[in-house]
């Protein structure tokens, strides 16, 4: 990093004024594996954009409203493969940084990674408890907790979300609650896959943006590396916490597993500490495995 953490905080603090609120900024690479700076939280003006804030805080090269380089880490090609800077606000893939307005509570996350096999990663879990606490683009969205298995794991997810400051959850047993609703589907994969958004995971990261591929039987989950290649297959007792987004819907979160034990393990992972800076998390023998898997 060319700028110290103290300078980053100073730059962000300079955003204050007018109608203001806290904004958190994280910069990382390789799907959150390596942070390029500690996350910084300060006050930003509500008429600030993501681009303006980033340019004040880092050495940035931009072209046509898109960031090409942050502190010497460039888009282009790396090891013969296309790479770029991608950003998320409250865990949701965002459009042009030059026009994206900031709102109190927003968590901005820039990550430098490859654009293949997942050209788009529409939603990630690493900003938890966002987007449930603050919503999207300054708008608080309805939250539907969809229980597709036993109530115990659903109770656990609800307890952990409320402990994280998430309010106004509505529970349902119907996976068809779509549209302008943030959904958390809780249950074993053989039940969760009945949902059209969830089922995209079976087609791989090019379709879902998630580097885990559950088997349609629900008994196995293949964990993929950043190239989309399977590196490990999990069986009984394994869980998964991931997020995706079907066209014309808000993000759908999946708290699932190969069986009830795996679902319970995934529900227990619904904390800020367990999910922070991860695109998705698989649970093996009670231990979290950030996805995509890192390879030597």
C-alpha atoms as a PDB file:
ATOM      1  CA  UNK A   1       0.000   0.000   0.000  1.00  0.00           C
ATOM      2  CA  UNK A   2       1.241   3.474  -0.850  1.00  0.00           C
ATOM      3  CA  UNK A   3      -0.941   5.072   1.786  1.00  0.00           C
ATOM      4  CA  UNK A   4      -1.065   4.212   5.447  1.00  0.00           C
ATOM      5  CA  UNK A   5      -4.180   3.283   7.363  1.00  0.00           C
ATOM      6  CA  UNK A   6      -4.030   6.609   9.193  1.00  0.00           C
ATOM      7  CA  UNK A   7      -4.061   8.515   5.910  1.00  0.00           C
ATOM      8  CA  UNK A   8      -7.000   6.436   4.709  1.00  0.00           C
ATOM      9  CA  UNK A   9      -8.996   7.339   7.795  1.00  0.00           C
ATOM     10  CA  UNK A  10      -8.094  10.997   7.358  1.00  0.00           C
ATOM     11  CA  UNK A  11      -9.240  10.985   3.760  1.00  0.00           C
ATOM     12  CA  UNK A  12     -12.509   9.318   4.635  1.00  0.00           C
ATOM     13  CA  UNK A  13     -13.100  11.694   7.512  1.00  0.00           C
ATOM     14  CA  UNK A  14     -12.808  14.552   5.045  1.00  0.00           C
ATOM     15  CA  UNK A  15     -15.987  13.296   3.397  1.00  0.00           C
ATOM     16  CA  UNK A  16     -18.076  14.579   6.277  1.00  0.00           C
ATOM     17  CA  UNK A  17     -20.591  17.364   6.047  1.00  0.00           C
ATOM     18  CA  UNK A  18     -24.265  17.854   5.286  1.00  0.00           C
ATOM     19  CA  UNK A  19     -26.441  14.804   5.752  1.00  0.00           C
ATOM     20  CA  UNK A  20     -23.855  12.192   6.702  1.00  0.00           C
ATOM     21  CA  UNK A  21     -23.419   8.681   7.959  1.00  0.00           C
ATOM     22  CA  UNK A  22     -20.816   5.967   8.476  1.00  0.00           C
ATOM     23  CA  UNK A  23     -19.343   4.134   5.490  1.00  0.00           C
ATOM     24  CA  UNK A  24     -16.899   1.220   5.639  1.00  0.00           C
ATOM     25  CA  UNK A  25     -14.385   0.595   2.844  1.00  0.00           C
ATOM     26  CA  UNK A  26     -12.396  -2.595   2.280  1.00  0.00           C
ATOM     27  CA  UNK A  27      -9.853  -3.254  -0.495  1.00  0.00           C
ATOM     28  CA  UNK A  28      -8.604  -6.783  -1.180  1.00  0.00           C
ATOM     29  CA  UNK A  29      -7.502  -9.157  -3.883  1.00  0.00           C
ATOM     30  CA  UNK A  30      -7.993 -12.814  -4.819  1.00  0.00           C
ATOM     31  CA  UNK A  31     -11.619 -13.015  -3.684  1.00  0.00           C
ATOM     32  CA  UNK A  32     -10.890 -11.463  -0.300  1.00  0.00           C
ATOM     33  CA  UNK A  33      -7.911 -13.691   0.430  1.00  0.00           C
ATOM     34  CA  UNK A  34      -5.474 -10.772   0.807  1.00  0.00           C
ATOM     35  CA  UNK A  35      -6.442  -7.382   2.214  1.00  0.00           C
ATOM     36  CA  UNK A  36      -4.546  -4.450   0.752  1.00  0.00           C
ATOM     37  CA  UNK A  37      -5.529  -2.216   3.691  1.00  0.00           C
ATOM     38  CA  UNK A  38      -7.392  -2.621   6.977  1.00  0.00           C
ATOM     39  CA  UNK A  39     -11.093  -1.819   6.647  1.00  0.00           C
ATOM     40  CA  UNK A  40     -11.766   1.836   7.432  1.00  0.00           C
ATOM     41  CA  UNK A  41     -14.954   3.313   8.849  1.00  0.00           C
ATOM     42  CA  UNK A  42     -15.647   7.045   8.824  1.00  0.00           C
ATOM     43  CA  UNK A  43     -18.287   9.594   7.832  1.00  0.00           C
ATOM     44  CA  UNK A  44     -19.123  10.294   4.201  1.00  0.00           C
ATOM     45  CA  UNK A  45     -21.452  12.867   2.674  1.00  0.00           C
ATOM     46  CA  UNK A  46     -24.587  11.376   1.216  1.00  0.00           C
ATOM     47  CA  UNK A  47     -23.871  13.027  -2.153  1.00  0.00           C
ATOM     48  CA  UNK A  48     -20.495  11.305  -2.381  1.00  0.00           C
ATOM     49  CA  UNK A  49     -19.972   8.538  -4.911  1.00  0.00           C
ATOM     50  CA  UNK A  50     -17.944   5.374  -4.546  1.00  0.00           C
ATOM     51  CA  UNK A  51     -15.523   6.652  -7.187  1.00  0.00           C
ATOM     52  CA  UNK A  52     -14.876   9.971  -5.420  1.00  0.00           C
ATOM     53  CA  UNK A  53     -14.285   8.296  -2.093  1.00  0.00           C
ATOM     54  CA  UNK A  54     -11.932   5.721  -3.597  1.00  0.00           C
ATOM     55  CA  UNK A  55      -9.948   8.348  -5.470  1.00  0.00           C
ATOM     56  CA  UNK A  56      -9.482  10.392  -2.309  1.00  0.00           C
ATOM     57  CA  UNK A  57      -8.360   7.375  -0.334  1.00  0.00           C
ATOM     58  CA  UNK A  58      -6.038   5.545  -2.734  1.00  0.00           C
ATOM     59  CA  UNK A  59      -3.854   6.088  -5.788  1.00  0.00           C
ATOM     60  CA  UNK A  60      -6.385   5.329  -8.506  1.00  0.00           C
ATOM     61  CA  UNK A  61      -6.311   5.139 -12.290  1.00  0.00           C
ATOM     62  CA  UNK A  62      -9.765   5.218 -13.875  1.00  0.00           C
ATOM     63  CA  UNK A  63     -11.044   5.124 -17.431  1.00  0.00           C
ATOM     64  CA  UNK A  64     -14.605   5.847 -18.562  1.00  0.00           C
ATOM     65  CA  UNK A  65     -15.923   5.607 -15.013  1.00  0.00           C
ATOM     66  CA  UNK A  66     -14.249   2.260 -14.302  1.00  0.00           C
ATOM     67  CA  UNK A  67     -11.280   1.775 -12.006  1.00  0.00           C
ATOM     68  CA  UNK A  68      -8.299   0.237 -13.764  1.00  0.00           C
ATOM     69  CA  UNK A  69      -5.750   0.391 -10.940  1.00  0.00           C
ATOM     70  CA  UNK A  70      -5.668   0.875  -7.165  1.00  0.00           C
ATOM     71  CA  UNK A  71      -2.297   1.475  -5.508  1.00  0.00           C
ATOM     72  CA  UNK A  72      -0.390  -0.155  -8.331  1.00  0.00           C
ATOM     73  CA  UNK A  73      -2.576  -3.266  -8.619  1.00  0.00           C
ATOM     74  CA  UNK A  74      -3.909  -3.183 -12.170  1.00  0.00           C
ATOM     75  CA  UNK A  75      -6.666  -4.676 -14.245  1.00  0.00           C
ATOM     76  CA  UNK A  76      -5.680  -6.399 -17.469  1.00  0.00           C
ATOM     77  CA  UNK A  77      -4.064  -9.824 -17.536  1.00  0.00           C
ATOM     78  CA  UNK A  78      -2.318 -11.836 -14.864  1.00  0.00           C
ATOM     79  CA  UNK A  79      -0.667 -15.167 -15.630  1.00  0.00           C
ATOM     80  CA  UNK A  80      -2.305 -14.995 -19.029  1.00  0.00           C
ATOM     81  CA  UNK A  81      -5.826 -14.594 -17.601  1.00  0.00           C
ATOM     82  CA  UNK A  82      -8.096 -11.519 -17.494  1.00  0.00           C
ATOM     83  CA  UNK A  83      -8.301  -9.765 -14.111  1.00  0.00           C
ATOM     84  CA  UNK A  84     -10.027  -6.622 -12.932  1.00  0.00           C
ATOM     85  CA  UNK A  85     -11.377  -4.568 -10.053  1.00  0.00           C
ATOM     86  CA  UNK A  86     -14.905  -5.413  -8.949  1.00  0.00           C
ATOM     87  CA  UNK A  87     -16.866  -3.807  -6.153  1.00  0.00           C
ATOM     88  CA  UNK A  88     -19.811  -4.564  -3.946  1.00  0.00           C
ATOM     89  CA  UNK A  89     -21.979  -2.389  -1.740  1.00  0.00           C
ATOM     90  CA  UNK A  90     -23.490  -4.228   1.197  1.00  0.00           C
ATOM     91  CA  UNK A  91     -22.517  -7.503  -0.441  1.00  0.00           C
ATOM     92  CA  UNK A  92     -24.316  -6.763  -3.716  1.00  0.00           C
ATOM     93  CA  UNK A  93     -22.507  -6.288  -7.013  1.00  0.00           C
ATOM     94  CA  UNK A  94     -22.809  -2.623  -7.974  1.00  0.00           C
ATOM     95  CA  UNK A  95     -22.835  -0.687 -11.235  1.00  0.00           C
ATOM     96  CA  UNK A  96     -20.680   2.308 -12.220  1.00  0.00           C
ATOM     97  CA  UNK A  97     -18.662   3.589  -9.265  1.00  0.00           C
ATOM     98  CA  UNK A  98     -18.775   7.073 -10.823  1.00  0.00           C
ATOM     99  CA  UNK A  99     -22.522   7.324 -10.257  1.00  0.00           C
ATOM    100  CA  UNK A 100     -23.131   5.062  -7.266  1.00  0.00           C
ATOM    101  CA  UNK A 101     -24.206   7.214  -4.327  1.00  0.00           C
ATOM    102  CA  UNK A 102     -23.208   6.366  -0.756  1.00  0.00           C
ATOM    103  CA  UNK A 103     -25.682   5.991   2.100  1.00  0.00           C
ATOM    104  CA  UNK A 104     -25.257   5.703   5.866  1.00  0.00           C
ATOM    105  CA  UNK A 105     -24.270   2.192   6.862  1.00  0.00           C
ATOM    106  CA  UNK A 106     -22.932   1.209   3.432  1.00  0.00           C
ATOM    107  CA  UNK A 107     -20.093  -1.304   3.275  1.00  0.00           C
ATOM    108  CA  UNK A 108     -18.026  -0.811   0.122  1.00  0.00           C
ATOM    109  CA  UNK A 109     -15.746  -3.662  -0.878  1.00  0.00           C
ATOM    110  CA  UNK A 110     -13.302  -3.537  -3.776  1.00  0.00           C
ATOM    111  CA  UNK A 111     -11.708  -6.828  -4.790  1.00  0.00           C
ATOM    112  CA  UNK A 112      -9.174  -7.562  -7.540  1.00  0.00           C
ATOM    113  CA  UNK A 113      -9.741 -10.973  -9.114  1.00  0.00           C
ATOM    114  CA  UNK A 114     -10.171 -12.826 -12.360  1.00  0.00           C
ATOM    115  CA  UNK A 115     -13.160 -12.349 -14.643  1.00  0.00           C
ATOM    116  CA  UNK A 116     -13.297 -16.049 -15.553  1.00  0.00           C
ATOM    117  CA  UNK A 117     -15.047 -18.422 -15.058  1.00  0.00           C
ATOM    118  CA  UNK A 118     -17.475 -16.128 -13.226  1.00  0.00           C
ATOM    119  CA  UNK A 119     -17.843 -12.995 -15.318  1.00  0.00           C
ATOM    120  CA  UNK A 120     -20.210 -11.774 -12.622  1.00  0.00           C
ATOM    121  CA  UNK A 121     -20.412 -12.501  -8.917  1.00  0.00           C
ATOM    122  CA  UNK A 122     -23.785 -10.894  -8.193  1.00  0.00           C
ATOM    123  CA  UNK A 123     -23.762 -11.265  -4.409  1.00  0.00           C
ATOM    124  CA  UNK A 124     -21.330 -12.221  -1.631  1.00  0.00           C
ATOM    125  CA  UNK A 125     -21.679 -13.018   2.072  1.00  0.00           C
ATOM    126  CA  UNK A 126     -18.609 -11.125   3.302  1.00  0.00           C
ATOM    127  CA  UNK A 127     -20.412  -7.887   4.219  1.00  0.00           C
ATOM    128  CA  UNK A 128     -22.717  -9.568   6.772  1.00  0.00           C
ATOM    129  CA  UNK A 129     -24.901  -8.342   8.451  1.00  0.00           C
ATOM    130  CA  UNK A 130     -25.423  -6.395   5.257  1.00  0.00           C
ATOM    131  CA  UNK A 131     -27.512  -6.157   3.164  1.00  0.00           C
ATOM    132  CA  UNK A 132     -30.049  -7.157   5.804  1.00  0.00           C
ATOM    133  CA  UNK A 133     -29.331  -4.317   8.219  1.00  0.00           C
ATOM    134  CA  UNK A 134     -29.130  -1.323   5.864  1.00  0.00           C
ATOM    135  CA  UNK A 135     -30.574  -2.602   2.607  1.00  0.00           C
ATOM    136  CA  UNK A 136     -29.578  -1.456  -0.868  1.00  0.00           C
ATOM    137  CA  UNK A 137     -29.060   2.080  -2.229  1.00  0.00           C
ATOM    138  CA  UNK A 138     -30.365   3.609   0.977  1.00  0.00           C
ATOM    139  CA  UNK A 139     -33.560   1.556   0.903  1.00  0.00           C
ATOM    140  CA  UNK A 140     -34.330  -0.962   3.636  1.00  0.00           C
ATOM    141  CA  UNK A 141     -35.697  -4.104   2.013  1.00  0.00           C
ATOM    142  CA  UNK A 142     -38.148  -6.668   3.405  1.00  0.00           C
ATOM    143  CA  UNK A 143     -36.417  -9.796   4.726  1.00  0.00           C
ATOM    144  CA  UNK A 144     -37.879 -13.267   4.350  1.00  0.00           C
ATOM    145  CA  UNK A 145     -36.390 -16.167   6.324  1.00  0.00           C
ATOM    146  CA  UNK A 146     -37.534 -19.245   4.421  1.00  0.00           C
ATOM    147  CA  UNK A 147     -37.429 -22.452   6.476  1.00  0.00           C
ATOM    148  CA  UNK A 148     -37.173 -25.486   4.191  1.00  0.00           C
ATOM    149  CA  UNK A 149     -36.136 -28.054   6.780  1.00  0.00           C
ATOM    150  CA  UNK A 150     -36.340 -28.424  10.540  1.00  0.00           C
ATOM    151  CA  UNK A 151     -37.069 -25.308  12.577  1.00  0.00           C
ATOM    152  CA  UNK A 152     -33.963 -25.653  14.778  1.00  0.00           C
ATOM    153  CA  UNK A 153     -31.477 -24.356  12.180  1.00  0.00           C
ATOM    154  CA  UNK A 154     -33.934 -21.660  11.099  1.00  0.00           C
ATOM    155  CA  UNK A 155     -34.207 -20.562  14.736  1.00  0.00           C
ATOM    156  CA  UNK A 156     -30.406 -20.440  14.910  1.00  0.00           C
ATOM    157  CA  UNK A 157     -30.150 -18.249  11.827  1.00  0.00           C
ATOM    158  CA  UNK A 158     -32.824 -15.903  13.156  1.00  0.00           C
ATOM    159  CA  UNK A 159     -31.093 -15.653  16.534  1.00  0.00           C
ATOM    160  CA  UNK A 160     -27.740 -14.845  14.951  1.00  0.00           C
ATOM    161  CA  UNK A 161     -29.210 -12.274  12.585  1.00  0.00           C
ATOM    162  CA  UNK A 162     -31.028 -10.484  15.389  1.00  0.00           C
ATOM    163  CA  UNK A 163     -27.825 -10.518  17.448  1.00  0.00           C
ATOM    164  CA  UNK A 164     -26.147  -8.782  14.493  1.00  0.00           C
ATOM    165  CA  UNK A 165     -28.728  -5.982  14.547  1.00  0.00           C
ATOM    166  CA  UNK A 166     -31.046  -7.298  11.829  1.00  0.00           C
ATOM    167  CA  UNK A 167     -34.683  -6.533  12.570  1.00  0.00           C
ATOM    168  CA  UNK A 168     -38.090  -7.138  11.011  1.00  0.00           C
ATOM    169  CA  UNK A 169     -37.522 -10.662   9.728  1.00  0.00           C
ATOM    170  CA  UNK A 170     -40.570 -12.505   8.466  1.00  0.00           C
ATOM    171  CA  UNK A 171     -40.580 -16.308   8.437  1.00  0.00           C
ATOM    172  CA  UNK A 172     -42.097 -18.459   5.743  1.00  0.00           C
ATOM    173  CA  UNK A 173     -42.138 -22.056   4.542  1.00  0.00           C
ATOM    174  CA  UNK A 174     -42.554 -21.066   0.890  1.00  0.00           C
ATOM    175  CA  UNK A 175     -39.482 -20.606  -1.301  1.00  0.00           C
ATOM    176  CA  UNK A 176     -41.471 -18.674  -3.947  1.00  0.00           C
ATOM    177  CA  UNK A 177     -41.303 -15.353  -2.060  1.00  0.00           C
ATOM    178  CA  UNK A 178     -39.372 -13.362  -4.668  1.00  0.00           C
ATOM    179  CA  UNK A 179     -39.098  -9.844  -6.092  1.00  0.00           C
ATOM    180  CA  UNK A 180     -38.029  -6.914  -3.920  1.00  0.00           C
ATOM    181  CA  UNK A 181     -37.373  -9.190  -0.953  1.00  0.00           C
ATOM    182  CA  UNK A 182     -34.073 -10.313   0.554  1.00  0.00           C
ATOM    183  CA  UNK A 183     -34.389 -14.038   1.132  1.00  0.00           C
ATOM    184  CA  UNK A 184     -32.441 -16.472   3.314  1.00  0.00           C
ATOM    185  CA  UNK A 185     -33.224 -20.076   2.407  1.00  0.00           C
ATOM    186  CA  UNK A 186     -32.412 -22.481   5.246  1.00  0.00           C
ATOM    187  CA  UNK A 187     -32.505 -26.227   4.742  1.00  0.00           C
ATOM    188  CA  UNK A 188     -30.778 -29.275   3.229  1.00  0.00           C
ATOM    189  CA  UNK A 189     -29.771 -28.918  -0.393  1.00  0.00           C
ATOM    190  CA  UNK A 190     -32.330 -31.402  -1.683  1.00  0.00           C
ATOM    191  CA  UNK A 191     -35.008 -28.975  -0.445  1.00  0.00           C
ATOM    192  CA  UNK A 192     -33.235 -25.672  -1.134  1.00  0.00           C
ATOM    193  CA  UNK A 193     -32.535 -26.625  -4.784  1.00  0.00           C
ATOM    194  CA  UNK A 194     -36.262 -26.446  -5.537  1.00  0.00           C
ATOM    195  CA  UNK A 195     -35.806 -22.676  -5.618  1.00  0.00           C
ATOM    196  CA  UNK A 196     -34.868 -21.353  -9.071  1.00  0.00           C
ATOM    197  CA  UNK A 197     -32.209 -18.967  -7.764  1.00  0.00           C
ATOM    198  CA  UNK A 198     -30.592 -21.599  -5.545  1.00  0.00           C
ATOM    199  CA  UNK A 199     -30.517 -24.176  -8.318  1.00  0.00           C
ATOM    200  CA  UNK A 200     -28.149 -22.021 -10.386  1.00  0.00           C
ATOM    201  CA  UNK A 201     -25.335 -23.254  -8.105  1.00  0.00           C
ATOM    202  CA  UNK A 202     -25.576 -26.666  -9.755  1.00  0.00           C
ATOM    203  CA  UNK A 203     -24.533 -25.044 -13.049  1.00  0.00           C
ATOM    204  CA  UNK A 204     -21.302 -23.653 -11.595  1.00  0.00           C
ATOM    205  CA  UNK A 205     -19.891 -20.163 -10.942  1.00  0.00           C
ATOM    206  CA  UNK A 206     -20.536 -18.894 -14.468  1.00  0.00           C
ATOM    207  CA  UNK A 207     -24.258 -19.116 -13.667  1.00  0.00           C
ATOM    208  CA  UNK A 208     -24.352 -18.404  -9.931  1.00  0.00           C
ATOM    209  CA  UNK A 209     -21.107 -16.579  -9.053  1.00  0.00           C
ATOM    210  CA  UNK A 210     -20.582 -19.166  -6.292  1.00  0.00           C
ATOM    211  CA  UNK A 211     -17.471 -21.367  -6.302  1.00  0.00           C
ATOM    212  CA  UNK A 212     -19.287 -24.385  -4.899  1.00  0.00           C
ATOM    213  CA  UNK A 213     -21.319 -26.870  -6.907  1.00  0.00           C
ATOM    214  CA  UNK A 214     -23.802 -29.001  -4.975  1.00  0.00           C
ATOM    215  CA  UNK A 215     -24.794 -32.323  -6.485  1.00  0.00           C
ATOM    216  CA  UNK A 216     -28.509 -32.497  -7.380  1.00  0.00           C
ATOM    217  CA  UNK A 217     -28.840 -35.450  -4.991  1.00  0.00           C
ATOM    218  CA  UNK A 218     -27.902 -33.087  -2.153  1.00  0.00           C
ATOM    219  CA  UNK A 219     -25.360 -35.527  -0.727  1.00  0.00           C
ATOM    220  CA  UNK A 220     -22.169 -33.870  -2.013  1.00  0.00           C
ATOM    221  CA  UNK A 221     -20.796 -30.363  -2.492  1.00  0.00           C
ATOM    222  CA  UNK A 222     -17.832 -29.807  -4.830  1.00  0.00           C
ATOM    223  CA  UNK A 223     -15.551 -26.957  -3.759  1.00  0.00           C
ATOM    224  CA  UNK A 224     -13.953 -25.084  -6.645  1.00  0.00           C
ATOM    225  CA  UNK A 225     -10.824 -22.998  -7.078  1.00  0.00           C
ATOM    226  CA  UNK A 226     -10.708 -19.582  -8.760  1.00  0.00           C
ATOM    227  CA  UNK A 227     -10.514 -21.265 -12.185  1.00  0.00           C
ATOM    228  CA  UNK A 228     -13.729 -23.152 -11.486  1.00  0.00           C
ATOM    229  CA  UNK A 229     -11.938 -26.492 -11.149  1.00  0.00           C
ATOM    230  CA  UNK A 230     -13.116 -28.929  -8.434  1.00  0.00           C
ATOM    231  CA  UNK A 231     -10.516 -29.306  -5.685  1.00  0.00           C
ATOM    232  CA  UNK A 232     -12.441 -31.170  -3.009  1.00  0.00           C
ATOM    233  CA  UNK A 233     -15.817 -32.823  -2.527  1.00  0.00           C
ATOM    234  CA  UNK A 234     -17.607 -32.635   0.813  1.00  0.00           C
ATOM    235  CA  UNK A 235     -20.006 -35.308   1.989  1.00  0.00           C
ATOM    236  CA  UNK A 236     -22.127 -35.937   5.094  1.00  0.00           C
ATOM    237  CA  UNK A 237     -22.161 -33.245   7.769  1.00  0.00           C
ATOM    238  CA  UNK A 238     -21.014 -30.492   5.388  1.00  0.00           C
ATOM    239  CA  UNK A 239     -22.537 -27.041   5.043  1.00  0.00           C
ATOM    240  CA  UNK A 240     -22.507 -23.982   2.800  1.00  0.00           C
ATOM    241  CA  UNK A 241     -23.274 -20.295   3.278  1.00  0.00           C
ATOM    242  CA  UNK A 242     -23.486 -18.476  -0.071  1.00  0.00           C
ATOM    243  CA  UNK A 243     -25.400 -15.778  -1.909  1.00  0.00           C
ATOM    244  CA  UNK A 244     -26.525 -15.429  -5.485  1.00  0.00           C
ATOM    245  CA  UNK A 245     -28.957 -13.287  -7.414  1.00  0.00           C
ATOM    246  CA  UNK A 246     -31.499 -14.340 -10.003  1.00  0.00           C
ATOM    247  CA  UNK A 247     -32.460 -11.771 -12.689  1.00  0.00           C
ATOM    248  CA  UNK A 248     -35.008  -9.205 -11.517  1.00  0.00           C
ATOM    249  CA  UNK A 249     -34.704 -10.356  -7.903  1.00  0.00           C
ATOM    250  CA  UNK A 250     -32.865  -9.174  -4.836  1.00  0.00           C
ATOM    251  CA  UNK A 251     -30.085 -11.458  -3.553  1.00  0.00           C
ATOM    252  CA  UNK A 252     -30.935 -14.878  -2.212  1.00  0.00           C
ATOM    253  CA  UNK A 253     -28.799 -16.224   0.626  1.00  0.00           C
ATOM    254  CA  UNK A 254     -28.405 -19.970   1.091  1.00  0.00           C
ATOM    255  CA  UNK A 255     -27.756 -21.582   4.469  1.00  0.00           C
ATOM    256  CA  UNK A 256     -27.658 -25.186   3.415  1.00  0.00           C
ATOM    257  CA  UNK A 257     -25.861 -28.503   3.680  1.00  0.00           C
ATOM    258  CA  UNK A 258     -25.764 -32.137   2.698  1.00  0.00           C
ATOM    259  CA  UNK A 259     -27.927 -33.089   5.676  1.00  0.00           C
ATOM    260  CA  UNK A 260     -29.356 -31.646   8.892  1.00  0.00           C
ATOM    261  CA  UNK A 261     -25.922 -31.677  10.554  1.00  0.00           C
ATOM    262  CA  UNK A 262     -24.470 -29.667   7.664  1.00  0.00           C
ATOM    263  CA  UNK A 263     -27.341 -27.174   7.758  1.00  0.00           C
ATOM    264  CA  UNK A 264     -26.811 -26.701  11.496  1.00  0.00           C
ATOM    265  CA  UNK A 265     -23.103 -26.073  10.893  1.00  0.00           C
ATOM    266  CA  UNK A 266     -23.928 -23.502   8.225  1.00  0.00           C
ATOM    267  CA  UNK A 267     -26.441 -21.787  10.516  1.00  0.00           C
ATOM    268  CA  UNK A 268     -23.797 -21.551  13.248  1.00  0.00           C
ATOM    269  CA  UNK A 269     -21.503 -19.772  10.765  1.00  0.00           C
ATOM    270  CA  UNK A 270     -23.940 -16.871  10.315  1.00  0.00           C
ATOM    271  CA  UNK A 271     -21.774 -14.354  12.167  1.00  0.00           C
ATOM    272  CA  UNK A 272     -19.767 -11.359  11.051  1.00  0.00           C
ATOM    273  CA  UNK A 273     -16.574 -12.968  12.309  1.00  0.00           C
ATOM    274  CA  UNK A 274     -17.100 -16.171  10.308  1.00  0.00           C
ATOM    275  CA  UNK A 275     -18.196 -14.517   7.051  1.00  0.00           C
ATOM    276  CA  UNK A 276     -16.136 -11.317   6.920  1.00  0.00           C
ATOM    277  CA  UNK A 277     -14.358 -10.727   3.598  1.00  0.00           C
ATOM    278  CA  UNK A 278     -15.433 -14.096   2.180  1.00  0.00           C
ATOM    279  CA  UNK A 279     -17.346 -14.527  -1.064  1.00  0.00           C
ATOM    280  CA  UNK A 280     -18.874 -17.765   0.249  1.00  0.00           C
ATOM    281  CA  UNK A 281     -18.012 -20.230   3.009  1.00  0.00           C
ATOM    282  CA  UNK A 282     -18.168 -24.026   3.043  1.00  0.00           C
ATOM    283  CA  UNK A 283     -18.255 -25.822   6.385  1.00  0.00           C
ATOM    284  CA  UNK A 284     -16.228 -29.005   6.799  1.00  0.00           C
ATOM    285  CA  UNK A 285     -16.111 -30.756  10.199  1.00  0.00           C
ATOM    286  CA  UNK A 286     -17.304 -27.518  11.787  1.00  0.00           C
ATOM    287  CA  UNK A 287     -14.548 -25.446  10.198  1.00  0.00           C
ATOM    288  CA  UNK A 288     -15.106 -22.674   7.664  1.00  0.00           C
ATOM    289  CA  UNK A 289     -13.472 -22.926   4.225  1.00  0.00           C
ATOM    290  CA  UNK A 290     -13.505 -19.605   2.284  1.00  0.00           C
ATOM    291  CA  UNK A 291     -14.438 -19.953  -1.382  1.00  0.00           C
ATOM    292  CA  UNK A 292     -13.050 -20.153  -3.959  1.00  0.00           C
ATOM    293  CA  UNK A 293     -10.410 -22.485  -2.558  1.00  0.00           C
ATOM    294  CA  UNK A 294      -6.866 -21.181  -2.750  1.00  0.00           C
ATOM    295  CA  UNK A 295      -4.400 -23.365  -4.669  1.00  0.00           C
ATOM    296  CA  UNK A 296      -0.603 -23.366  -4.348  1.00  0.00           C
END
